[in-house]
């Protein structure tokens, strides 16, 4: 999966389904973990921006 597609997939998929998918389809665990870390950082920044804009309103 491409990085952005992986990030989207991770953010929309339950942990149980992620684990099953990685194990059943021999996905590159390091790639999935790296994308998960990127997703956490990206969405964390977006949430902070959302909070800042709400506070400024």
PDB file of N, CA and C in Angstrom:
ATOM      1  N   UNK A   1       0.845  -1.186   0.000  1.00  0.00           N
ATOM      2  CA  UNK A   1       0.000   0.000   0.000  1.00  0.00           C
ATOM      3  C   UNK A   1       0.881   1.238   0.000  1.00  0.00           C
ATOM      4  N   UNK A   2       0.424   2.248  -0.653  1.00  0.00           N
ATOM      5  CA  UNK A   2       1.160   3.504  -0.618  1.00  0.00           C
ATOM      6  C   UNK A   2       0.975   4.129   0.762  1.00  0.00           C
ATOM      7  N   UNK A   3       1.904   4.991   1.142  1.00  0.00           N
ATOM      8  CA  UNK A   3       1.920   5.560   2.488  1.00  0.00           C
ATOM      9  C   UNK A   3       0.595   6.238   2.864  1.00  0.00           C
ATOM     10  N   UNK A   4       0.064   7.137   2.020  1.00  0.00           N
ATOM     11  CA  UNK A   4      -1.179   7.836   2.367  1.00  0.00           C
ATOM     12  C   UNK A   4      -2.359   6.883   2.465  1.00  0.00           C
ATOM     13  N   UNK A   5      -2.390   5.915   1.573  1.00  0.00           N
ATOM     14  CA  UNK A   5      -3.464   4.924   1.614  1.00  0.00           C
ATOM     15  C   UNK A   5      -3.358   4.109   2.903  1.00  0.00           C
ATOM     16  N   UNK A   6      -2.137   3.788   3.302  1.00  0.00           N
ATOM     17  CA  UNK A   6      -1.916   3.037   4.534  1.00  0.00           C
ATOM     18  C   UNK A   6      -2.349   3.851   5.740  1.00  0.00           C
ATOM     19  N   UNK A   7      -2.002   5.131   5.763  1.00  0.00           N
ATOM     20  CA  UNK A   7      -2.398   5.998   6.876  1.00  0.00           C
ATOM     21  C   UNK A   7      -3.919   6.055   6.977  1.00  0.00           C
ATOM     22  N   UNK A   8      -4.589   6.236   5.850  1.00  0.00           N
ATOM     23  CA  UNK A   8      -6.057   6.283   5.832  1.00  0.00           C
ATOM     24  C   UNK A   8      -6.623   4.955   6.331  1.00  0.00           C
ATOM     25  N   UNK A   9      -6.074   3.867   5.852  1.00  0.00           N
ATOM     26  CA  UNK A   9      -6.524   2.534   6.259  1.00  0.00           C
ATOM     27  C   UNK A   9      -6.368   2.353   7.766  1.00  0.00           C
ATOM     28  N   UNK A  10      -5.230   2.748   8.308  1.00  0.00           N
ATOM     29  CA  UNK A  10      -4.975   2.603   9.739  1.00  0.00           C
ATOM     30  C   UNK A  10      -5.963   3.425  10.557  1.00  0.00           C
ATOM     31  N   UNK A  11      -6.228   4.644  10.121  1.00  0.00           N
ATOM     32  CA  UNK A  11      -7.115   5.514  10.892  1.00  0.00           C
ATOM     33  C   UNK A  11      -8.564   5.046  10.861  1.00  0.00           C
ATOM     34  N   UNK A  12      -8.932   4.251   9.863  1.00  0.00           N
ATOM     35  CA  UNK A  12     -10.325   3.817   9.716  1.00  0.00           C
ATOM     36  C   UNK A  12     -10.561   2.357  10.115  1.00  0.00           C
ATOM     37  N   UNK A  13      -9.530   1.656  10.544  1.00  0.00           N
ATOM     38  CA  UNK A  13      -9.632   0.218  10.795  1.00  0.00           C
ATOM     39  C   UNK A  13      -9.398  -0.093  12.266  1.00  0.00           C
ATOM     40  N   UNK A  14     -10.172  -1.036  12.800  1.00  0.00           N
ATOM     41  CA  UNK A  14     -10.005  -1.432  14.200  1.00  0.00           C
ATOM     42  C   UNK A  14      -8.662  -2.141  14.388  1.00  0.00           C
ATOM     43  N   UNK A  15      -8.182  -2.136  15.610  1.00  0.00           N
ATOM     44  CA  UNK A  15      -6.908  -2.781  15.936  1.00  0.00           C
ATOM     45  C   UNK A  15      -6.966  -4.275  15.610  1.00  0.00           C
ATOM     46  N   UNK A  16      -8.071  -4.919  15.968  1.00  0.00           N
ATOM     47  CA  UNK A  16      -8.209  -6.350  15.710  1.00  0.00           C
ATOM     48  C   UNK A  16      -8.091  -6.650  14.214  1.00  0.00           C
ATOM     49  N   UNK A  17      -8.754  -5.824  13.393  1.00  0.00           N
ATOM     50  CA  UNK A  17      -8.691  -6.024  11.946  1.00  0.00           C
ATOM     51  C   UNK A  17      -7.294  -5.740  11.398  1.00  0.00           C
ATOM     52  N   UNK A  18      -6.618  -4.739  11.962  1.00  0.00           N
ATOM     53  CA  UNK A  18      -5.251  -4.436  11.528  1.00  0.00           C
ATOM     54  C   UNK A  18      -4.325  -5.620  11.789  1.00  0.00           C
ATOM     55  N   UNK A  19      -4.410  -6.162  13.000  1.00  0.00           N
ATOM     56  CA  UNK A  19      -3.550  -7.291  13.369  1.00  0.00           C
ATOM     57  C   UNK A  19      -3.832  -8.480  12.453  1.00  0.00           C
ATOM     58  N   UNK A  20      -5.109  -8.777  12.258  1.00  0.00           N
ATOM     59  CA  UNK A  20      -5.473  -9.897  11.379  1.00  0.00           C
ATOM     60  C   UNK A  20      -4.946  -9.684   9.968  1.00  0.00           C
ATOM     61  N   UNK A  21      -5.124  -8.485   9.452  1.00  0.00           N
ATOM     62  CA  UNK A  21      -4.691  -8.183   8.091  1.00  0.00           C
ATOM     63  C   UNK A  21      -3.179  -8.327   7.943  1.00  0.00           C
ATOM     64  N   UNK A  22      -2.432  -7.798   8.899  1.00  0.00           N
ATOM     65  CA  UNK A  22      -0.969  -7.875   8.835  1.00  0.00           C
ATOM     66  C   UNK A  22      -0.511  -9.333   8.883  1.00  0.00           C
ATOM     67  N   UNK A  23      -1.104 -10.110   9.783  1.00  0.00           N
ATOM     68  CA  UNK A  23      -0.684 -11.503   9.934  1.00  0.00           C
ATOM     69  C   UNK A  23      -1.133 -12.382   8.767  1.00  0.00           C
ATOM     70  N   UNK A  24      -2.368 -12.199   8.309  1.00  0.00           N
ATOM     71  CA  UNK A  24      -2.909 -13.058   7.251  1.00  0.00           C
ATOM     72  C   UNK A  24      -2.333 -12.739   5.874  1.00  0.00           C
ATOM     73  N   UNK A  25      -1.960 -11.487   5.643  1.00  0.00           N
ATOM     74  CA  UNK A  25      -1.515 -11.085   4.312  1.00  0.00           C
ATOM     75  C   UNK A  25      -0.022 -10.794   4.232  1.00  0.00           C
ATOM     76  N   UNK A  26       0.722 -11.204   5.261  1.00  0.00           N
ATOM     77  CA  UNK A  26       2.172 -11.015   5.281  1.00  0.00           C
ATOM     78  C   UNK A  26       2.585  -9.588   4.938  1.00  0.00           C
ATOM     79  N   UNK A  27       1.906  -8.626   5.525  1.00  0.00           N
ATOM     80  CA  UNK A  27       2.249  -7.221   5.292  1.00  0.00           C
ATOM     81  C   UNK A  27       3.568  -6.903   6.005  1.00  0.00           C
ATOM     82  N   UNK A  28       4.255  -5.898   5.513  1.00  0.00           N
ATOM     83  CA  UNK A  28       5.500  -5.442   6.128  1.00  0.00           C
ATOM     84  C   UNK A  28       5.152  -4.703   7.420  1.00  0.00           C
ATOM     85  N   UNK A  29       5.412  -5.352   8.546  1.00  0.00           N
ATOM     86  CA  UNK A  29       5.040  -4.801   9.848  1.00  0.00           C
ATOM     87  C   UNK A  29       5.706  -3.449  10.078  1.00  0.00           C
ATOM     88  N   UNK A  30       6.965  -3.313   9.697  1.00  0.00           N
ATOM     89  CA  UNK A  30       7.664  -2.041   9.892  1.00  0.00           C
ATOM     90  C   UNK A  30       7.001  -0.912   9.107  1.00  0.00           C
ATOM     91  N   UNK A  31       6.553  -1.201   7.895  1.00  0.00           N
ATOM     92  CA  UNK A  31       5.861  -0.198   7.071  1.00  0.00           C
ATOM     93  C   UNK A  31       4.554   0.228   7.747  1.00  0.00           C
ATOM     94  N   UNK A  32       3.803  -0.738   8.249  1.00  0.00           N
ATOM     95  CA  UNK A  32       2.524  -0.439   8.897  1.00  0.00           C
ATOM     96  C   UNK A  32       2.749   0.367  10.171  1.00  0.00           C
ATOM     97  N   UNK A  33       3.742   0.000  10.947  1.00  0.00           N
ATOM     98  CA  UNK A  33       4.039   0.736  12.182  1.00  0.00           C
ATOM     99  C   UNK A  33       4.480   2.158  11.862  1.00  0.00           C
ATOM    100  N   UNK A  34       5.344   2.323  10.880  1.00  0.00           N
ATOM    101  CA  UNK A  34       5.803   3.664  10.497  1.00  0.00           C
ATOM    102  C   UNK A  34       4.629   4.521  10.038  1.00  0.00           C
ATOM    103  N   UNK A  35       3.734   3.955   9.250  1.00  0.00           N
ATOM    104  CA  UNK A  35       2.558   4.695   8.784  1.00  0.00           C
ATOM    105  C   UNK A  35       1.646   5.045   9.955  1.00  0.00           C
ATOM    106  N   UNK A  36       1.528   4.135  10.922  1.00  0.00           N
ATOM    107  CA  UNK A  36       0.707   4.410  12.103  1.00  0.00           C
ATOM    108  C   UNK A  36       1.288   5.577  12.894  1.00  0.00           C
ATOM    109  N   UNK A  37       2.598   5.614  13.023  1.00  0.00           N
ATOM    110  CA  UNK A  37       3.245   6.727  13.721  1.00  0.00           C
ATOM    111  C   UNK A  37       3.027   8.037  12.974  1.00  0.00           C
ATOM    112  N   UNK A  38       3.113   7.998  11.650  1.00  0.00           N
ATOM    113  CA  UNK A  38       2.851   9.194  10.848  1.00  0.00           C
ATOM    114  C   UNK A  38       1.405   9.643  10.999  1.00  0.00           C
ATOM    115  N   UNK A  39       0.488   8.684  10.990  1.00  0.00           N
ATOM    116  CA  UNK A  39      -0.936   9.008  11.132  1.00  0.00           C
ATOM    117  C   UNK A  39      -1.182   9.675  12.475  1.00  0.00           C
ATOM    118  N   UNK A  40      -0.570   9.141  13.520  1.00  0.00           N
ATOM    119  CA  UNK A  40      -0.749   9.719  14.853  1.00  0.00           C
ATOM    120  C   UNK A  40      -0.238  11.151  14.883  1.00  0.00           C
ATOM    121  N   UNK A  41       0.915  11.375  14.290  1.00  0.00           N
ATOM    122  CA  UNK A  41       1.492  12.721  14.262  1.00  0.00           C
ATOM    123  C   UNK A  41       0.616  13.657  13.434  1.00  0.00           C
ATOM    124  N   UNK A  42       0.215  13.216  12.250  1.00  0.00           N
ATOM    125  CA  UNK A  42      -0.585  14.042  11.344  1.00  0.00           C
ATOM    126  C   UNK A  42      -1.933  14.406  11.958  1.00  0.00           C
ATOM    127  N   UNK A  43      -2.627  13.408  12.503  1.00  0.00           N
ATOM    128  CA  UNK A  43      -3.940  13.685  13.064  1.00  0.00           C
ATOM    129  C   UNK A  43      -3.833  14.435  14.379  1.00  0.00           C
ATOM    130  N   UNK A  44      -2.763  14.212  15.123  1.00  0.00           N
ATOM    131  CA  UNK A  44      -2.545  14.973  16.353  1.00  0.00           C
ATOM    132  C   UNK A  44      -2.377  16.452  16.054  1.00  0.00           C
ATOM    133  N   UNK A  45      -1.630  16.775  15.000  1.00  0.00           N
ATOM    134  CA  UNK A  45      -1.449  18.169  14.600  1.00  0.00           C
ATOM    135  C   UNK A  45      -2.764  18.771  14.135  1.00  0.00           C
ATOM    136  N   UNK A  46      -3.551  17.999  13.423  1.00  0.00           N
ATOM    137  CA  UNK A  46      -4.834  18.484  12.924  1.00  0.00           C
ATOM    138  C   UNK A  46      -5.793  18.746  14.089  1.00  0.00           C
ATOM    139  N   UNK A  47      -5.809  17.858  15.062  1.00  0.00           N
ATOM    140  CA  UNK A  47      -6.665  18.041  16.234  1.00  0.00           C
ATOM    141  C   UNK A  47      -6.247  19.290  16.995  1.00  0.00           C
ATOM    142  N   UNK A  48      -4.945  19.502  17.150  1.00  0.00           N
ATOM    143  CA  UNK A  48      -4.470  20.694  17.855  1.00  0.00           C
ATOM    144  C   UNK A  48      -4.877  21.956  17.113  1.00  0.00           C
ATOM    145  N   UNK A  49      -4.761  21.963  15.799  1.00  0.00           N
ATOM    146  CA  UNK A  49      -5.175  23.121  15.005  1.00  0.00           C
ATOM    147  C   UNK A  49      -6.673  23.367  15.167  1.00  0.00           C
ATOM    148  N   UNK A  50      -7.461  22.306  15.176  1.00  0.00           N
ATOM    149  CA  UNK A  50      -8.910  22.402  15.371  1.00  0.00           C
ATOM    150  C   UNK A  50      -9.226  23.038  16.726  1.00  0.00           C
ATOM    151  N   UNK A  51      -8.553  22.578  17.770  1.00  0.00           N
ATOM    152  CA  UNK A  51      -8.764  23.119  19.117  1.00  0.00           C
ATOM    153  C   UNK A  51      -8.365  24.585  19.167  1.00  0.00           C
ATOM    154  N   UNK A  52      -7.228  24.922  18.577  1.00  0.00           N
ATOM    155  CA  UNK A  52      -6.771  26.312  18.563  1.00  0.00           C
ATOM    156  C   UNK A  52      -7.771  27.223  17.863  1.00  0.00           C
ATOM    157  N   UNK A  53      -8.308  26.767  16.747  1.00  0.00           N
ATOM    158  CA  UNK A  53      -9.271  27.586  16.001  1.00  0.00           C
ATOM    159  C   UNK A  53     -10.571  27.733  16.781  1.00  0.00           C
ATOM    160  N   UNK A  54     -10.996  26.681  17.460  1.00  0.00           N
ATOM    161  CA  UNK A  54     -12.198  26.777  18.289  1.00  0.00           C
ATOM    162  C   UNK A  54     -11.985  27.753  19.442  1.00  0.00           C
ATOM    163  N   UNK A  55     -10.817  27.689  20.046  1.00  0.00           N
ATOM    164  CA  UNK A  55     -10.509  28.571  21.170  1.00  0.00           C
ATOM    165  C   UNK A  55     -10.447  30.025  20.717  1.00  0.00           C
ATOM    166  N   UNK A  56     -10.033  30.247  19.469  1.00  0.00           N
ATOM    167  CA  UNK A  56      -9.922  31.598  18.940  1.00  0.00           C
ATOM    168  C   UNK A  56     -11.249  32.176  18.477  1.00  0.00           C
ATOM    169  N   UNK A  57     -12.278  31.354  18.391  1.00  0.00           N
ATOM    170  CA  UNK A  57     -13.589  31.815  17.898  1.00  0.00           C
ATOM    171  C   UNK A  57     -14.384  32.542  18.955  1.00  0.00           C
TER     172      UNK A  57
END
